[in-house]
Amino acid sequence: DPDPAARLPEGTPPYVREHLPVYVAQCSTGEAWAYKQLGFVGAHFVLAATARGLQTLPMEGLESPRAVARAAGLPEHYCVPFVVAVGRARDPRRGPSPRVNFEAQVFEDSYGQPMAGETDG
């Protein structure tokens, strides 16, 4: 559809009309849509594992998602957009994380405005 916004009902907010073509283009195939949806599943999986005291390492950008599916013995019509390594750290991290801290990444209302009551640790 060259103009998906034209199919929206009257009263649709302008920001939806403005961004819908980009969203449709990004989800132009069923596989692209599925990859996007699986990101939510992966995030929840990582949160659930972390809540149970496990460490995780999500990995995407696989050279051949279909080859990973074959190696896992999945049917031909399955694809693996990412994998998550899960386990217990042999040696728990000592000292501060080398990652950028929470306060430098997450803001409230506008860029640079710290979240009220939130801390990194």
PDB file of N, CA and C in Angstrom:
ATOM      1  N   ASP A   1       0.853  -1.178   0.000  1.00  0.00           N
ATOM      2  CA  ASP A   1       0.000   0.000   0.000  1.00  0.00           C
ATOM      3  C   ASP A   1       0.898   1.241   0.000  1.00  0.00           C
ATOM      4  N   PRO A   2       0.852   2.059  -1.048  1.00  0.00           N
ATOM      5  CA  PRO A   2       1.731   3.228  -1.128  1.00  0.00           C
ATOM      6  C   PRO A   2       1.427   4.298  -0.072  1.00  0.00           C
ATOM      7  N   ASP A   3       0.187   4.337   0.450  1.00  0.00           N
ATOM      8  CA  ASP A   3      -0.163   5.333   1.458  1.00  0.00           C
ATOM      9  C   ASP A   3      -1.002   4.685   2.558  1.00  0.00           C
ATOM     10  N   PRO A   4      -0.368   3.961   3.479  1.00  0.00           N
ATOM     11  CA  PRO A   4      -1.142   3.280   4.514  1.00  0.00           C
ATOM     12  C   PRO A   4      -1.893   4.245   5.424  1.00  0.00           C
ATOM     13  N   ALA A   5      -1.393   5.464   5.572  1.00  0.00           N
ATOM     14  CA  ALA A   5      -2.059   6.439   6.434  1.00  0.00           C
ATOM     15  C   ALA A   5      -3.434   6.815   5.894  1.00  0.00           C
ATOM     16  N   ALA A   6      -3.642   6.680   4.588  1.00  0.00           N
ATOM     17  CA  ALA A   6      -4.935   7.015   3.996  1.00  0.00           C
ATOM     18  C   ALA A   6      -6.040   6.078   4.475  1.00  0.00           C
ATOM     19  N   ARG A   7      -5.687   4.909   4.967  1.00  0.00           N
ATOM     20  CA  ARG A   7      -6.675   3.941   5.431  1.00  0.00           C
ATOM     21  C   ARG A   7      -7.067   4.144   6.897  1.00  0.00           C
ATOM     22  N   LEU A   8      -6.394   5.060   7.581  1.00  0.00           N
ATOM     23  CA  LEU A   8      -6.683   5.286   8.993  1.00  0.00           C
ATOM     24  C   LEU A   8      -7.997   6.036   9.169  1.00  0.00           C
ATOM     25  N   PRO A   9      -8.705   5.775  10.259  1.00  0.00           N
ATOM     26  CA  PRO A   9      -9.979   6.469  10.489  1.00  0.00           C
ATOM     27  C   PRO A   9      -9.771   7.942  10.813  1.00  0.00           C
ATOM     28  N   GLU A  10     -10.792   8.702  10.599  1.00  0.00           N
ATOM     29  CA  GLU A  10     -10.765  10.124  10.929  1.00  0.00           C
ATOM     30  C   GLU A  10     -10.504  10.271  12.426  1.00  0.00           C
ATOM     31  N   GLY A  11      -9.729  11.255  12.800  1.00  0.00           N
ATOM     32  CA  GLY A  11      -9.416  11.472  14.209  1.00  0.00           C
ATOM     33  C   GLY A  11      -8.163  10.762  14.678  1.00  0.00           C
ATOM     34  N   THR A  12      -7.499  10.019  13.788  1.00  0.00           N
ATOM     35  CA  THR A  12      -6.240   9.379  14.155  1.00  0.00           C
ATOM     36  C   THR A  12      -5.218  10.468  14.453  1.00  0.00           C
ATOM     37  N   PRO A  13      -4.499  10.352  15.560  1.00  0.00           N
ATOM     38  CA  PRO A  13      -3.522  11.400  15.904  1.00  0.00           C
ATOM     39  C   PRO A  13      -2.498  11.612  14.786  1.00  0.00           C
ATOM     40  N   PRO A  14      -2.070  12.858  14.589  1.00  0.00           N
ATOM     41  CA  PRO A  14      -1.110  13.170  13.525  1.00  0.00           C
ATOM     42  C   PRO A  14       0.194  12.378  13.616  1.00  0.00           C
ATOM     43  N   TYR A  15       0.685  12.125  14.837  1.00  0.00           N
ATOM     44  CA  TYR A  15       1.950  11.397  14.952  1.00  0.00           C
ATOM     45  C   TYR A  15       1.822   9.972  14.421  1.00  0.00           C
ATOM     46  N   VAL A  16       0.634   9.377  14.541  1.00  0.00           N
ATOM     47  CA  VAL A  16       0.424   8.034  13.991  1.00  0.00           C
ATOM     48  C   VAL A  16       0.472   8.107  12.469  1.00  0.00           C
ATOM     49  N   ARG A  17      -0.217   9.085  11.898  1.00  0.00           N
ATOM     50  CA  ARG A  17      -0.200   9.254  10.442  1.00  0.00           C
ATOM     51  C   ARG A  17       1.220   9.496   9.926  1.00  0.00           C
ATOM     52  N   GLU A  18       1.983  10.267  10.679  1.00  0.00           N
ATOM     53  CA  GLU A  18       3.336  10.611  10.258  1.00  0.00           C
ATOM     54  C   GLU A  18       4.277   9.397  10.291  1.00  0.00           C
ATOM     55  N   HIS A  19       4.165   8.571  11.317  1.00  0.00           N
ATOM     56  CA  HIS A  19       5.126   7.477  11.501  1.00  0.00           C
ATOM     57  C   HIS A  19       4.671   6.136  10.935  1.00  0.00           C
ATOM     58  N   LEU A  20       3.419   6.014  10.582  1.00  0.00           N
ATOM     59  CA  LEU A  20       2.923   4.738  10.063  1.00  0.00           C
ATOM     60  C   LEU A  20       3.676   4.254   8.827  1.00  0.00           C
ATOM     61  N   PRO A  21       3.960   5.095   7.843  1.00  0.00           N
ATOM     62  CA  PRO A  21       4.698   4.591   6.669  1.00  0.00           C
ATOM     63  C   PRO A  21       6.053   3.991   7.025  1.00  0.00           C
ATOM     64  N   VAL A  22       6.748   4.577   7.996  1.00  0.00           N
ATOM     65  CA  VAL A  22       8.045   4.045   8.416  1.00  0.00           C
ATOM     66  C   VAL A  22       7.852   2.680   9.068  1.00  0.00           C
ATOM     67  N   TYR A  23       6.865   2.582   9.942  1.00  0.00           N
ATOM     68  CA  TYR A  23       6.593   1.317  10.620  1.00  0.00           C
ATOM     69  C   TYR A  23       6.234   0.230   9.610  1.00  0.00           C
ATOM     70  N   VAL A  24       5.378   0.552   8.671  1.00  0.00           N
ATOM     71  CA  VAL A  24       4.968  -0.428   7.655  1.00  0.00           C
ATOM     72  C   VAL A  24       6.167  -0.861   6.826  1.00  0.00           C
ATOM     73  N   ALA A  25       7.029   0.076   6.463  1.00  0.00           N
ATOM     74  CA  ALA A  25       8.215  -0.264   5.678  1.00  0.00           C
ATOM     75  C   ALA A  25       9.143  -1.190   6.460  1.00  0.00           C
ATOM     76  N   GLN A  26       9.274  -0.950   7.759  1.00  0.00           N
ATOM     77  CA  GLN A  26      10.140  -1.796   8.583  1.00  0.00           C
ATOM     78  C   GLN A  26       9.561  -3.187   8.790  1.00  0.00           C
ATOM     79  N   CYS A  27       8.270  -3.311   8.680  1.00  0.00           N
ATOM     80  CA  CYS A  27       7.603  -4.601   8.891  1.00  0.00           C
ATOM     81  C   CYS A  27       7.015  -5.096   7.575  1.00  0.00           C
ATOM     82  N   SER A  28       7.758  -4.893   6.505  1.00  0.00           N
ATOM     83  CA  SER A  28       7.231  -5.182   5.173  1.00  0.00           C
ATOM     84  C   SER A  28       7.043  -6.660   4.889  1.00  0.00           C
ATOM     85  N   THR A  29       7.636  -7.519   5.700  1.00  0.00           N
ATOM     86  CA  THR A  29       7.446  -8.953   5.512  1.00  0.00           C
ATOM     87  C   THR A  29       7.008  -9.555   6.843  1.00  0.00           C
ATOM     88  N   GLY A  30       6.430 -10.724   6.770  1.00  0.00           N
ATOM     89  CA  GLY A  30       6.052 -11.416   7.992  1.00  0.00           C
ATOM     90  C   GLY A  30       7.255 -11.717   8.855  1.00  0.00           C
ATOM     91  N   GLU A  31       8.370 -12.051   8.220  1.00  0.00           N
ATOM     92  CA  GLU A  31       9.585 -12.349   8.971  1.00  0.00           C
ATOM     93  C   GLU A  31      10.097 -11.108   9.696  1.00  0.00           C
ATOM     94  N   ALA A  32      10.065  -9.951   9.029  1.00  0.00           N
ATOM     95  CA  ALA A  32      10.517  -8.708   9.671  1.00  0.00           C
ATOM     96  C   ALA A  32       9.637  -8.384  10.876  1.00  0.00           C
ATOM     97  N   TRP A  33       8.330  -8.556  10.731  1.00  0.00           N
ATOM     98  CA  TRP A  33       7.409  -8.296  11.836  1.00  0.00           C
ATOM     99  C   TRP A  33       7.700  -9.267  12.987  1.00  0.00           C
ATOM    100  N   ALA A  34       7.896 -10.538  12.675  1.00  0.00           N
ATOM    101  CA  ALA A  34       8.162 -11.540  13.710  1.00  0.00           C
ATOM    102  C   ALA A  34       9.449 -11.219  14.455  1.00  0.00           C
ATOM    103  N   TYR A  35      10.493 -10.805  13.739  1.00  0.00           N
ATOM    104  CA  TYR A  35      11.753 -10.447  14.396  1.00  0.00           C
ATOM    105  C   TYR A  35      11.528  -9.324  15.399  1.00  0.00           C
ATOM    106  N   LYS A  36      10.761  -8.314  15.015  1.00  0.00           N
ATOM    107  CA  LYS A  36      10.485  -7.198  15.920  1.00  0.00           C
ATOM    108  C   LYS A  36       9.718  -7.671  17.148  1.00  0.00           C
ATOM    109  N   GLN A  37       8.722  -8.501  16.955  1.00  0.00           N
ATOM    110  CA  GLN A  37       7.920  -8.987  18.079  1.00  0.00           C
ATOM    111  C   GLN A  37       8.743  -9.863  19.012  1.00  0.00           C
ATOM    112  N   LEU A  38       9.646 -10.651  18.471  1.00  0.00           N
ATOM    113  CA  LEU A  38      10.469 -11.532  19.296  1.00  0.00           C
ATOM    114  C   LEU A  38      11.434 -10.754  20.186  1.00  0.00           C
ATOM    115  N   GLY A  39      11.722  -9.521  19.826  1.00  0.00           N
ATOM    116  CA  GLY A  39      12.547  -8.687  20.700  1.00  0.00           C
ATOM    117  C   GLY A  39      11.899  -8.507  22.061  1.00  0.00           C
ATOM    118  N   PHE A  40      10.568  -8.357  22.083  1.00  0.00           N
ATOM    119  CA  PHE A  40       9.850  -8.225  23.351  1.00  0.00           C
ATOM    120  C   PHE A  40       9.963  -9.525  24.155  1.00  0.00           C
ATOM    121  N   VAL A  41       9.820 -10.648  23.481  1.00  0.00           N
ATOM    122  CA  VAL A  41       9.923 -11.949  24.136  1.00  0.00           C
ATOM    123  C   VAL A  41      11.325 -12.117  24.734  1.00  0.00           C
ATOM    124  N   GLY A  42      12.335 -11.782  23.950  1.00  0.00           N
ATOM    125  CA  GLY A  42      13.709 -11.904  24.434  1.00  0.00           C
ATOM    126  C   GLY A  42      13.965 -11.033  25.651  1.00  0.00           C
ATOM    127  N   ALA A  43      13.447  -9.821  25.634  1.00  0.00           N
ATOM    128  CA  ALA A  43      13.644  -8.908  26.768  1.00  0.00           C
ATOM    129  C   ALA A  43      13.011  -9.481  28.029  1.00  0.00           C
ATOM    130  N   HIS A  44      11.812 -10.007  27.908  1.00  0.00           N
ATOM    131  CA  HIS A  44      11.147 -10.592  29.073  1.00  0.00           C
ATOM    132  C   HIS A  44      11.873 -11.852  29.559  1.00  0.00           C
ATOM    133  N   PHE A  45      12.385 -12.638  28.635  1.00  0.00           N
ATOM    134  CA  PHE A  45      13.143 -13.823  29.013  1.00  0.00           C
ATOM    135  C   PHE A  45      14.371 -13.417  29.833  1.00  0.00           C
ATOM    136  N   VAL A  46      15.095 -12.410  29.365  1.00  0.00           N
ATOM    137  CA  VAL A  46      16.292 -11.933  30.069  1.00  0.00           C
ATOM    138  C   VAL A  46      15.914 -11.412  31.458  1.00  0.00           C
ATOM    139  N   LEU A  47      14.827 -10.653  31.553  1.00  0.00           N
ATOM    140  CA  LEU A  47      14.396 -10.135  32.858  1.00  0.00           C
ATOM    141  C   LEU A  47      14.019 -11.275  33.811  1.00  0.00           C
ATOM    142  N   ALA A  48      13.309 -12.274  33.297  1.00  0.00           N
ATOM    143  CA  ALA A  48      12.904 -13.404  34.138  1.00  0.00           C
ATOM    144  C   ALA A  48      14.128 -14.185  34.624  1.00  0.00           C
ATOM    145  N   ALA A  49      15.086 -14.429  33.753  1.00  0.00           N
ATOM    146  CA  ALA A  49      16.294 -15.158  34.148  1.00  0.00           C
ATOM    147  C   ALA A  49      17.079 -14.355  35.181  1.00  0.00           C
ATOM    148  N   THR A  50      17.204 -13.059  34.964  1.00  0.00           N
ATOM    149  CA  THR A  50      17.928 -12.197  35.894  1.00  0.00           C
ATOM    150  C   THR A  50      17.247 -12.179  37.259  1.00  0.00           C
ATOM    151  N   ALA A  51      15.912 -12.136  37.262  1.00  0.00           N
ATOM    152  CA  ALA A  51      15.173 -12.139  38.523  1.00  0.00           C
ATOM    153  C   ALA A  51      15.405 -13.429  39.308  1.00  0.00           C
ATOM    154  N   ARG A  52      15.804 -14.477  38.617  1.00  0.00           N
ATOM    155  CA  ARG A  52      16.080 -15.762  39.270  1.00  0.00           C
ATOM    156  C   ARG A  52      17.568 -15.947  39.575  1.00  0.00           C
ATOM    157  N   GLY A  53      18.333 -14.869  39.457  1.00  0.00           N
ATOM    158  CA  GLY A  53      19.734 -14.912  39.822  1.00  0.00           C
ATOM    159  C   GLY A  53      20.662 -15.439  38.746  1.00  0.00           C
ATOM    160  N   LEU A  54      20.169 -15.559  37.519  1.00  0.00           N
ATOM    161  CA  LEU A  54      21.006 -16.036  36.420  1.00  0.00           C
ATOM    162  C   LEU A  54      21.583 -14.861  35.638  1.00  0.00           C
ATOM    163  N   GLN A  55      22.700 -15.088  34.973  1.00  0.00           N
ATOM    164  CA  GLN A  55      23.276 -14.071  34.097  1.00  0.00           C
ATOM    165  C   GLN A  55      22.903 -14.428  32.664  1.00  0.00           C
ATOM    166  N   THR A  56      22.746 -13.420  31.844  1.00  0.00           N
ATOM    167  CA  THR A  56      22.350 -13.639  30.451  1.00  0.00           C
ATOM    168  C   THR A  56      23.254 -12.849  29.519  1.00  0.00           C
ATOM    169  N   LEU A  57      23.308 -13.319  28.283  1.00  0.00           N
ATOM    170  CA  LEU A  57      24.042 -12.615  27.243  1.00  0.00           C
ATOM    171  C   LEU A  57      23.262 -12.765  25.937  1.00  0.00           C
ATOM    172  N   PRO A  58      22.380 -11.779  25.616  1.00  0.00           N
ATOM    173  CA  PRO A  58      21.653 -11.838  24.350  1.00  0.00           C
ATOM    174  C   PRO A  58      22.606 -11.544  23.183  1.00  0.00           C
ATOM    175  N   MET A  59      22.435 -12.275  22.091  1.00  0.00           N
ATOM    176  CA  MET A  59      23.270 -12.085  20.904  1.00  0.00           C
ATOM    177  C   MET A  59      22.382 -12.069  19.672  1.00  0.00           C
ATOM    178  N   GLU A  60      22.536 -11.047  18.850  1.00  0.00           N
ATOM    179  CA  GLU A  60      21.795 -10.976  17.591  1.00  0.00           C
ATOM    180  C   GLU A  60      22.781 -10.652  16.487  1.00  0.00           C
ATOM    181  N   GLY A  61      22.275 -10.517  15.285  1.00  0.00           N
ATOM    182  CA  GLY A  61      23.166 -10.246  14.173  1.00  0.00           C
ATOM    183  C   GLY A  61      23.898 -11.505  13.737  1.00  0.00           C
ATOM    184  N   LEU A  62      23.225 -12.622  13.898  1.00  0.00           N
ATOM    185  CA  LEU A  62      23.828 -13.898  13.529  1.00  0.00           C
ATOM    186  C   LEU A  62      24.092 -13.934  12.030  1.00  0.00           C
ATOM    187  N   GLU A  63      25.200 -14.504  11.650  1.00  0.00           N
ATOM    188  CA  GLU A  63      25.542 -14.570  10.228  1.00  0.00           C
ATOM    189  C   GLU A  63      24.486 -15.337   9.434  1.00  0.00           C
ATOM    190  N   SER A  64      23.954 -16.416  10.019  1.00  0.00           N
ATOM    191  CA  SER A  64      22.934 -17.197   9.334  1.00  0.00           C
ATOM    192  C   SER A  64      21.915 -17.719  10.339  1.00  0.00           C
ATOM    193  N   PRO A  65      20.830 -16.932  10.584  1.00  0.00           N
ATOM    194  CA  PRO A  65      19.799 -17.380  11.514  1.00  0.00           C
ATOM    195  C   PRO A  65      19.211 -18.744  11.131  1.00  0.00           C
ATOM    196  N   ARG A  66      19.092 -19.017   9.834  1.00  0.00           N
ATOM    197  CA  ARG A  66      18.541 -20.308   9.407  1.00  0.00           C
ATOM    198  C   ARG A  66      19.505 -21.456   9.739  1.00  0.00           C
ATOM    199  N   ALA A  67      20.819 -21.199   9.630  1.00  0.00           N
ATOM    200  CA  ALA A  67      21.800 -22.228   9.983  1.00  0.00           C
ATOM    201  C   ALA A  67      21.720 -22.542  11.476  1.00  0.00           C
ATOM    202  N   VAL A  68      21.498 -21.531  12.298  1.00  0.00           N
ATOM    203  CA  VAL A  68      21.336 -21.753  13.736  1.00  0.00           C
ATOM    204  C   VAL A  68      20.103 -22.612  13.981  1.00  0.00           C
ATOM    205  N   ALA A  69      19.014 -22.323  13.282  1.00  0.00           N
ATOM    206  CA  ALA A  69      17.790 -23.118  13.427  1.00  0.00           C
ATOM    207  C   ALA A  69      18.045 -24.569  13.033  1.00  0.00           C
ATOM    208  N   ARG A  70      18.762 -24.778  11.945  1.00  0.00           N
ATOM    209  CA  ARG A  70      19.077 -26.149  11.512  1.00  0.00           C
ATOM    210  C   ARG A  70      19.933 -26.854  12.560  1.00  0.00           C
ATOM    211  N   ALA A  71      20.936 -26.143  13.101  1.00  0.00           N
ATOM    212  CA  ALA A  71      21.812 -26.744  14.106  1.00  0.00           C
ATOM    213  C   ALA A  71      21.029 -27.133  15.361  1.00  0.00           C
ATOM    214  N   ALA A  72      19.975 -26.385  15.655  1.00  0.00           N
ATOM    215  CA  ALA A  72      19.134 -26.682  16.815  1.00  0.00           C
ATOM    216  C   ALA A  72      18.083 -27.745  16.502  1.00  0.00           C
ATOM    217  N   GLY A  73      18.032 -28.193  15.243  1.00  0.00           N
ATOM    218  CA  GLY A  73      17.076 -29.221  14.848  1.00  0.00           C
ATOM    219  C   GLY A  73      15.657 -28.719  14.654  1.00  0.00           C
ATOM    220  N   LEU A  74      15.522 -27.423  14.395  1.00  0.00           N
ATOM    221  CA  LEU A  74      14.189 -26.853  14.183  1.00  0.00           C
ATOM    222  C   LEU A  74      13.712 -27.131  12.761  1.00  0.00           C
ATOM    223  N   PRO A  75      12.393 -27.176  12.554  1.00  0.00           N
ATOM    224  CA  PRO A  75      11.872 -27.361  11.199  1.00  0.00           C
ATOM    225  C   PRO A  75      12.355 -26.258  10.254  1.00  0.00           C
ATOM    226  N   GLU A  76      12.352 -26.542   8.975  1.00  0.00           N
ATOM    227  CA  GLU A  76      12.897 -25.631   7.957  1.00  0.00           C
ATOM    228  C   GLU A  76      12.239 -24.251   7.973  1.00  0.00           C
ATOM    229  N   HIS A  77      10.971 -24.173   8.318  1.00  0.00           N
ATOM    230  CA  HIS A  77      10.279 -22.873   8.288  1.00  0.00           C
ATOM    231  C   HIS A  77      10.531 -22.037   9.544  1.00  0.00           C
ATOM    232  N   TYR A  78      11.386 -22.492  10.456  1.00  0.00           N
ATOM    233  CA  TYR A  78      11.752 -21.725  11.633  1.00  0.00           C
ATOM    234  C   TYR A  78      13.036 -20.952  11.367  1.00  0.00           C
ATOM    235  N   CYS A  79      13.173 -19.828  12.066  1.00  0.00           N
ATOM    236  CA  CYS A  79      14.362 -18.998  11.954  1.00  0.00           C
ATOM    237  C   CYS A  79      14.718 -18.514  13.364  1.00  0.00           C
ATOM    238  N   VAL A  80      15.958 -18.252  13.622  1.00  0.00           N
ATOM    239  CA  VAL A  80      16.407 -17.818  14.949  1.00  0.00           C
ATOM    240  C   VAL A  80      16.992 -16.415  14.822  1.00  0.00           C
ATOM    241  N   PRO A  81      16.249 -15.382  15.226  1.00  0.00           N
ATOM    242  CA  PRO A  81      16.758 -14.013  15.092  1.00  0.00           C
ATOM    243  C   PRO A  81      17.795 -13.648  16.141  1.00  0.00           C
ATOM    244  N   PHE A  82      17.796 -14.330  17.288  1.00  0.00           N
ATOM    245  CA  PHE A  82      18.789 -14.072  18.329  1.00  0.00           C
ATOM    246  C   PHE A  82      18.873 -15.298  19.228  1.00  0.00           C
ATOM    247  N   VAL A  83      19.933 -15.369  19.983  1.00  0.00           N
ATOM    248  CA  VAL A  83      20.085 -16.416  20.992  1.00  0.00           C
ATOM    249  C   VAL A  83      20.442 -15.739  22.308  1.00  0.00           C
ATOM    250  N   VAL A  84      20.158 -16.428  23.408  1.00  0.00           N
ATOM    251  CA  VAL A  84      20.485 -15.892  24.724  1.00  0.00           C
ATOM    252  C   VAL A  84      21.248 -16.962  25.499  1.00  0.00           C
ATOM    253  N   ALA A  85      22.489 -16.664  25.818  1.00  0.00           N
ATOM    254  CA  ALA A  85      23.258 -17.550  26.686  1.00  0.00           C
ATOM    255  C   ALA A  85      22.801 -17.278  28.117  1.00  0.00           C
ATOM    256  N   VAL A  86      22.568 -18.343  28.888  1.00  0.00           N
ATOM    257  CA  VAL A  86      22.078 -18.216  30.263  1.00  0.00           C
ATOM    258  C   VAL A  86      22.919 -19.106  31.163  1.00  0.00           C
ATOM    259  N   GLY A  87      23.281 -18.604  32.319  1.00  0.00           N
ATOM    260  CA  GLY A  87      24.036 -19.426  33.259  1.00  0.00           C
ATOM    261  C   GLY A  87      24.348 -18.663  34.524  1.00  0.00           C
ATOM    262  N   ARG A  88      25.247 -19.236  35.280  1.00  0.00           N
ATOM    263  CA  ARG A  88      25.713 -18.592  36.510  1.00  0.00           C
ATOM    264  C   ARG A  88      27.177 -18.210  36.305  1.00  0.00           C
ATOM    265  N   ALA A  89      27.496 -17.010  36.680  1.00  0.00           N
ATOM    266  CA  ALA A  89      28.874 -16.535  36.524  1.00  0.00           C
ATOM    267  C   ALA A  89      29.805 -17.349  37.409  1.00  0.00           C
ATOM    268  N   ARG A  90      30.905 -17.787  36.855  1.00  0.00           N
ATOM    269  CA  ARG A  90      31.904 -18.527  37.641  1.00  0.00           C
ATOM    270  C   ARG A  90      32.475 -17.603  38.714  1.00  0.00           C
ATOM    271  N   ASP A  91      32.829 -16.397  38.300  1.00  0.00           N
ATOM    272  CA  ASP A  91      33.374 -15.405  39.221  1.00  0.00           C
ATOM    273  C   ASP A  91      32.507 -14.151  39.132  1.00  0.00           C
ATOM    274  N   PRO A  92      31.679 -13.917  40.155  1.00  0.00           N
ATOM    275  CA  PRO A  92      30.840 -12.706  40.103  1.00  0.00           C
ATOM    276  C   PRO A  92      31.712 -11.461  39.952  1.00  0.00           C
ATOM    277  N   ARG A  93      31.193 -10.481  39.244  1.00  0.00           N
ATOM    278  CA  ARG A  93      31.940  -9.240  39.001  1.00  0.00           C
ATOM    279  C   ARG A  93      32.252  -8.555  40.321  1.00  0.00           C
ATOM    280  N   ARG A  94      33.468  -8.102  40.424  1.00  0.00           N
ATOM    281  CA  ARG A  94      33.883  -7.328  41.591  1.00  0.00           C
ATOM    282  C   ARG A  94      34.119  -5.896  41.128  1.00  0.00           C
ATOM    283  N   GLY A  95      33.592  -4.971  41.865  1.00  0.00           N
ATOM    284  CA  GLY A  95      33.786  -3.571  41.506  1.00  0.00           C
ATOM    285  C   GLY A  95      32.691  -3.071  40.584  1.00  0.00           C
ATOM    286  N   PRO A  96      32.806  -1.847  40.176  1.00  0.00           N
ATOM    287  CA  PRO A  96      31.756  -1.229  39.348  1.00  0.00           C
ATOM    288  C   PRO A  96      31.715  -1.825  37.932  1.00  0.00           C
ATOM    289  N   SER A  97      30.555  -1.750  37.343  1.00  0.00           N
ATOM    290  CA  SER A  97      30.372  -2.221  35.970  1.00  0.00           C
ATOM    291  C   SER A  97      31.091  -1.274  35.011  1.00  0.00           C
ATOM    292  N   PRO A  98      31.673  -1.828  33.952  1.00  0.00           N
ATOM    293  CA  PRO A  98      32.317  -0.962  32.959  1.00  0.00           C
ATOM    294  C   PRO A  98      31.297  -0.297  32.024  1.00  0.00           C
ATOM    295  N   ARG A  99      30.027  -0.662  32.166  1.00  0.00           N
ATOM    296  CA  ARG A  99      28.988  -0.099  31.287  1.00  0.00           C
ATOM    297  C   ARG A  99      28.638   1.327  31.692  1.00  0.00           C
ATOM    298  N   VAL A 100      28.055   2.048  30.770  1.00  0.00           N
ATOM    299  CA  VAL A 100      27.592   3.405  31.046  1.00  0.00           C
ATOM    300  C   VAL A 100      26.489   3.316  32.098  1.00  0.00           C
ATOM    301  N   ASN A 101      26.544   4.154  33.125  1.00  0.00           N
ATOM    302  CA  ASN A 101      25.581   4.035  34.215  1.00  0.00           C
ATOM    303  C   ASN A 101      24.175   4.477  33.799  1.00  0.00           C
ATOM    304  N   PHE A 102      23.222   4.057  34.608  1.00  0.00           N
ATOM    305  CA  PHE A 102      21.802   4.315  34.364  1.00  0.00           C
ATOM    306  C   PHE A 102      21.522   5.803  34.149  1.00  0.00           C
ATOM    307  N   GLU A 103      22.072   6.632  35.038  1.00  0.00           N
ATOM    308  CA  GLU A 103      21.790   8.073  34.985  1.00  0.00           C
ATOM    309  C   GLU A 103      22.260   8.728  33.691  1.00  0.00           C
ATOM    310  N   ALA A 104      23.242   8.132  33.031  1.00  0.00           N
ATOM    311  CA  ALA A 104      23.751   8.693  31.780  1.00  0.00           C
ATOM    312  C   ALA A 104      22.927   8.248  30.572  1.00  0.00           C
ATOM    313  N   GLN A 105      21.978   7.327  30.778  1.00  0.00           N
ATOM    314  CA  GLN A 105      21.217   6.769  29.661  1.00  0.00           C
ATOM    315  C   GLN A 105      19.716   7.020  29.728  1.00  0.00           C
ATOM    316  N   VAL A 106      19.178   7.174  30.939  1.00  0.00           N
ATOM    317  CA  VAL A 106      17.727   7.247  31.111  1.00  0.00           C
ATOM    318  C   VAL A 106      17.367   8.591  31.732  1.00  0.00           C
ATOM    319  N   PHE A 107      16.420   9.280  31.095  1.00  0.00           N
ATOM    320  CA  PHE A 107      16.033  10.605  31.549  1.00  0.00           C
ATOM    321  C   PHE A 107      14.516  10.690  31.703  1.00  0.00           C
ATOM    322  N   GLU A 108      14.075  11.664  32.477  1.00  0.00           N
ATOM    323  CA  GLU A 108      12.643  11.872  32.697  1.00  0.00           C
ATOM    324  C   GLU A 108      12.206  13.158  31.995  1.00  0.00           C
ATOM    325  N   ASP A 109      11.236  13.038  31.135  1.00  0.00           N
ATOM    326  CA  ASP A 109      10.633  14.160  30.408  1.00  0.00           C
ATOM    327  C   ASP A 109      11.493  14.747  29.296  1.00  0.00           C
ATOM    328  N   SER A 110      12.782  14.963  29.549  1.00  0.00           N
ATOM    329  CA  SER A 110      13.634  15.504  28.502  1.00  0.00           C
ATOM    330  C   SER A 110      15.085  15.080  28.729  1.00  0.00           C
ATOM    331  N   TYR A 111      15.871  15.157  27.667  1.00  0.00           N
ATOM    332  CA  TYR A 111      17.277  14.751  27.725  1.00  0.00           C
ATOM    333  C   TYR A 111      18.007  15.522  28.814  1.00  0.00           C
ATOM    334  N   GLY A 112      18.757  14.808  29.650  1.00  0.00           N
ATOM    335  CA  GLY A 112      19.541  15.429  30.698  1.00  0.00           C
ATOM    336  C   GLY A 112      18.810  15.601  32.015  1.00  0.00           C
ATOM    337  N   GLN A 113      17.493  15.376  32.015  1.00  0.00           N
ATOM    338  CA  GLN A 113      16.699  15.513  33.237  1.00  0.00           C
ATOM    339  C   GLN A 113      16.701  14.171  33.973  1.00  0.00           C
ATOM    340  N   PRO A 114      17.387  14.065  35.147  1.00  0.00           N
ATOM    341  CA  PRO A 114      17.471  12.783  35.851  1.00  0.00           C
ATOM    342  C   PRO A 114      16.096  12.260  36.263  1.00  0.00           C
ATOM    343  N   MET A 115      15.985  10.924  36.307  1.00  0.00           N
ATOM    344  CA  MET A 115      14.758  10.293  36.802  1.00  0.00           C
ATOM    345  C   MET A 115      14.641  10.567  38.301  1.00  0.00           C
ATOM    346  N   ALA A 116      13.472  10.965  38.739  1.00  0.00           N
ATOM    347  CA  ALA A 116      13.254  11.247  40.148  1.00  0.00           C
ATOM    348  C   ALA A 116      13.353   9.952  40.952  1.00  0.00           C
ATOM    349  N   GLY A 117      14.248   9.937  41.958  1.00  0.00           N
ATOM    350  CA  GLY A 117      14.339   8.804  42.862  1.00  0.00           C
ATOM    351  C   GLY A 117      15.020   7.567  42.300  1.00  0.00           C
ATOM    352  N   GLU A 118      15.560   7.602  41.091  1.00  0.00           N
ATOM    353  CA  GLU A 118      16.215   6.427  40.510  1.00  0.00           C
ATOM    354  C   GLU A 118      17.719   6.530  40.691  1.00  0.00           C
ATOM    355  N   THR A 119      18.330   5.405  41.003  1.00  0.00           N
ATOM    356  CA  THR A 119      19.785   5.359  41.094  1.00  0.00           C
ATOM    357  C   THR A 119      20.290   4.116  40.406  1.00  0.00           C
ATOM    358  N   ASP A 120      21.569   4.057  40.170  1.00  0.00           N
ATOM    359  CA  ASP A 120      22.189   2.927  39.490  1.00  0.00           C
ATOM    360  C   ASP A 120      22.434   1.744  40.403  1.00  0.00           C
ATOM    361  N   GLY A 121      22.285   1.896  41.702  1.00  0.00           N
ATOM    362  CA  GLY A 121      22.654   0.770  42.387  1.00  0.00           C
ATOM    363  C   GLY A 121      22.354   0.351  43.690  1.00  0.00           C
TER     364      GLY A 121
END
